[in-house]
Protein backbone atom coordinates (compact mmCIF):
# COMPACT_ATOMS: atom_id res chain seq x y z
CA UNK A 1 0.00 0.00 0.00
CA UNK A 2 1.34 3.49 -0.85
CA UNK A 3 0.34 6.95 0.43
CA UNK A 4 -2.34 7.31 -2.28
CA UNK A 5 -4.13 4.05 -1.45
CA UNK A 6 -7.37 4.34 0.52
CA UNK A 7 -8.15 1.42 2.81
CA UNK A 8 -11.39 -0.33 1.82
CA UNK A 9 -12.99 0.14 5.23
CA UNK A 10 -12.88 3.96 4.89
CA UNK A 11 -14.82 3.91 1.61
CA UNK A 12 -18.08 2.91 3.29
CA UNK A 13 -18.32 6.05 5.45
CA UNK A 14 -21.40 8.12 4.63
CA UNK A 15 -21.61 11.75 5.69
CA UNK A 16 -24.79 13.62 6.49
CA UNK A 17 -25.40 16.75 4.40
CA UNK A 18 -24.69 19.01 7.39
CA UNK A 19 -21.30 17.30 7.88
CA UNK A 20 -20.13 17.96 4.33
CA UNK A 21 -17.92 20.87 3.28
CA UNK A 22 -19.07 22.72 0.19
CA UNK A 23 -16.46 22.55 -2.56
CA UNK A 24 -15.98 25.39 -5.03
CA UNK A 25 -15.06 24.29 -8.56
CA UNK A 26 -12.80 26.58 -10.59
CA UNK A 27 -11.98 26.26 -14.27
CA UNK A 28 -9.72 28.01 -16.74
CA UNK A 29 -11.53 30.43 -19.05
CA UNK A 30 -9.78 32.60 -21.62
CA UNK A 31 -6.39 32.36 -19.90
CA UNK A 32 -7.46 32.88 -16.29
CA UNK A 33 -9.27 30.89 -13.60
CA UNK A 34 -12.85 31.57 -12.45
CA UNK A 35 -15.27 29.79 -10.13
CA UNK A 36 -18.02 27.94 -12.00
CA UNK A 37 -20.60 29.46 -9.63
CA UNK A 38 -19.97 32.87 -11.22
CA UNK A 39 -20.89 31.61 -14.72
CA UNK A 40 -24.14 32.62 -16.38
CA UNK A 41 -26.72 29.95 -17.32
CA UNK A 42 -25.29 29.38 -20.81
CA UNK A 43 -21.68 29.04 -19.66
CA UNK A 44 -22.71 26.60 -16.89
CA UNK A 45 -24.43 24.49 -19.55
CA UNK A 46 -21.29 24.52 -21.71
CA UNK A 47 -19.18 23.50 -18.69
CA UNK A 48 -21.44 20.48 -17.99
CA UNK A 49 -21.08 19.32 -21.63
CA UNK A 50 -17.26 19.38 -21.61
CA UNK A 51 -15.30 16.27 -22.40
CA UNK A 52 -12.15 15.82 -20.37
CA UNK A 53 -8.79 14.90 -21.86
CA UNK A 54 -7.25 11.69 -20.52
CA UNK A 55 -3.61 11.50 -21.56
CA UNK A 56 -3.22 7.75 -21.08
CA UNK A 57 -5.87 7.06 -23.76
CA UNK A 58 -4.16 9.10 -26.48
CA UNK A 59 -1.83 7.61 -29.06
CA UNK A 60 0.71 9.38 -31.21
CA UNK A 61 0.41 8.82 -34.96
C-alpha atoms as a PDB file:
ATOM      1  CA  UNK A   1       0.000   0.000   0.000  1.00  0.00           C
ATOM      2  CA  UNK A   2       1.335   3.486  -0.850  1.00  0.00           C
ATOM      3  CA  UNK A   3       0.336   6.949   0.426  1.00  0.00           C
ATOM      4  CA  UNK A   4      -2.339   7.311  -2.281  1.00  0.00           C
ATOM      5  CA  UNK A   5      -4.130   4.051  -1.451  1.00  0.00           C
ATOM      6  CA  UNK A   6      -7.368   4.339   0.521  1.00  0.00           C
ATOM      7  CA  UNK A   7      -8.154   1.416   2.814  1.00  0.00           C
ATOM      8  CA  UNK A   8     -11.388  -0.334   1.821  1.00  0.00           C
ATOM      9  CA  UNK A   9     -12.990   0.139   5.232  1.00  0.00           C
ATOM     10  CA  UNK A  10     -12.883   3.962   4.889  1.00  0.00           C
ATOM     11  CA  UNK A  11     -14.819   3.915   1.614  1.00  0.00           C
ATOM     12  CA  UNK A  12     -18.084   2.912   3.291  1.00  0.00           C
ATOM     13  CA  UNK A  13     -18.325   6.047   5.452  1.00  0.00           C
ATOM     14  CA  UNK A  14     -21.398   8.123   4.629  1.00  0.00           C
ATOM     15  CA  UNK A  15     -21.608  11.752   5.688  1.00  0.00           C
ATOM     16  CA  UNK A  16     -24.792  13.624   6.486  1.00  0.00           C
ATOM     17  CA  UNK A  17     -25.400  16.754   4.405  1.00  0.00           C
ATOM     18  CA  UNK A  18     -24.690  19.012   7.394  1.00  0.00           C
ATOM     19  CA  UNK A  19     -21.299  17.297   7.883  1.00  0.00           C
ATOM     20  CA  UNK A  20     -20.130  17.964   4.328  1.00  0.00           C
ATOM     21  CA  UNK A  21     -17.918  20.873   3.284  1.00  0.00           C
ATOM     22  CA  UNK A  22     -19.066  22.719   0.188  1.00  0.00           C
ATOM     23  CA  UNK A  23     -16.465  22.551  -2.564  1.00  0.00           C
ATOM     24  CA  UNK A  24     -15.983  25.390  -5.028  1.00  0.00           C
ATOM     25  CA  UNK A  25     -15.065  24.295  -8.558  1.00  0.00           C
ATOM     26  CA  UNK A  26     -12.800  26.576 -10.589  1.00  0.00           C
ATOM     27  CA  UNK A  27     -11.976  26.261 -14.268  1.00  0.00           C
ATOM     28  CA  UNK A  28      -9.717  28.011 -16.741  1.00  0.00           C
ATOM     29  CA  UNK A  29     -11.534  30.434 -19.048  1.00  0.00           C
ATOM     30  CA  UNK A  30      -9.780  32.598 -21.625  1.00  0.00           C
ATOM     31  CA  UNK A  31      -6.393  32.357 -19.900  1.00  0.00           C
ATOM     32  CA  UNK A  32      -7.464  32.876 -16.293  1.00  0.00           C
ATOM     33  CA  UNK A  33      -9.272  30.886 -13.596  1.00  0.00           C
ATOM     34  CA  UNK A  34     -12.851  31.573 -12.449  1.00  0.00           C
ATOM     35  CA  UNK A  35     -15.274  29.793 -10.128  1.00  0.00           C
ATOM     36  CA  UNK A  36     -18.016  27.938 -12.004  1.00  0.00           C
ATOM     37  CA  UNK A  37     -20.596  29.457  -9.626  1.00  0.00           C
ATOM     38  CA  UNK A  38     -19.965  32.869 -11.224  1.00  0.00           C
ATOM     39  CA  UNK A  39     -20.893  31.614 -14.720  1.00  0.00           C
ATOM     40  CA  UNK A  40     -24.141  32.618 -16.383  1.00  0.00           C
ATOM     41  CA  UNK A  41     -26.720  29.953 -17.322  1.00  0.00           C
ATOM     42  CA  UNK A  42     -25.288  29.376 -20.814  1.00  0.00           C
ATOM     43  CA  UNK A  43     -21.681  29.044 -19.664  1.00  0.00           C
ATOM     44  CA  UNK A  44     -22.708  26.599 -16.890  1.00  0.00           C
ATOM     45  CA  UNK A  45     -24.434  24.489 -19.549  1.00  0.00           C
ATOM     46  CA  UNK A  46     -21.286  24.520 -21.712  1.00  0.00           C
ATOM     47  CA  UNK A  47     -19.183  23.499 -18.688  1.00  0.00           C
ATOM     48  CA  UNK A  48     -21.443  20.476 -17.994  1.00  0.00           C
ATOM     49  CA  UNK A  49     -21.077  19.322 -21.629  1.00  0.00           C
ATOM     50  CA  UNK A  50     -17.260  19.379 -21.612  1.00  0.00           C
ATOM     51  CA  UNK A  51     -15.303  16.265 -22.401  1.00  0.00           C
ATOM     52  CA  UNK A  52     -12.155  15.823 -20.367  1.00  0.00           C
ATOM     53  CA  UNK A  53      -8.794  14.898 -21.859  1.00  0.00           C
ATOM     54  CA  UNK A  54      -7.252  11.685 -20.525  1.00  0.00           C
ATOM     55  CA  UNK A  55      -3.614  11.502 -21.563  1.00  0.00           C
ATOM     56  CA  UNK A  56      -3.219   7.751 -21.075  1.00  0.00           C
ATOM     57  CA  UNK A  57      -5.872   7.059 -23.755  1.00  0.00           C
ATOM     58  CA  UNK A  58      -4.160   9.098 -26.476  1.00  0.00           C
ATOM     59  CA  UNK A  59      -1.829   7.608 -29.063  1.00  0.00           C
ATOM     60  CA  UNK A  60       0.707   9.377 -31.209  1.00  0.00           C
ATOM     61  CA  UNK A  61       0.410   8.823 -34.956  1.00  0.00           C
END
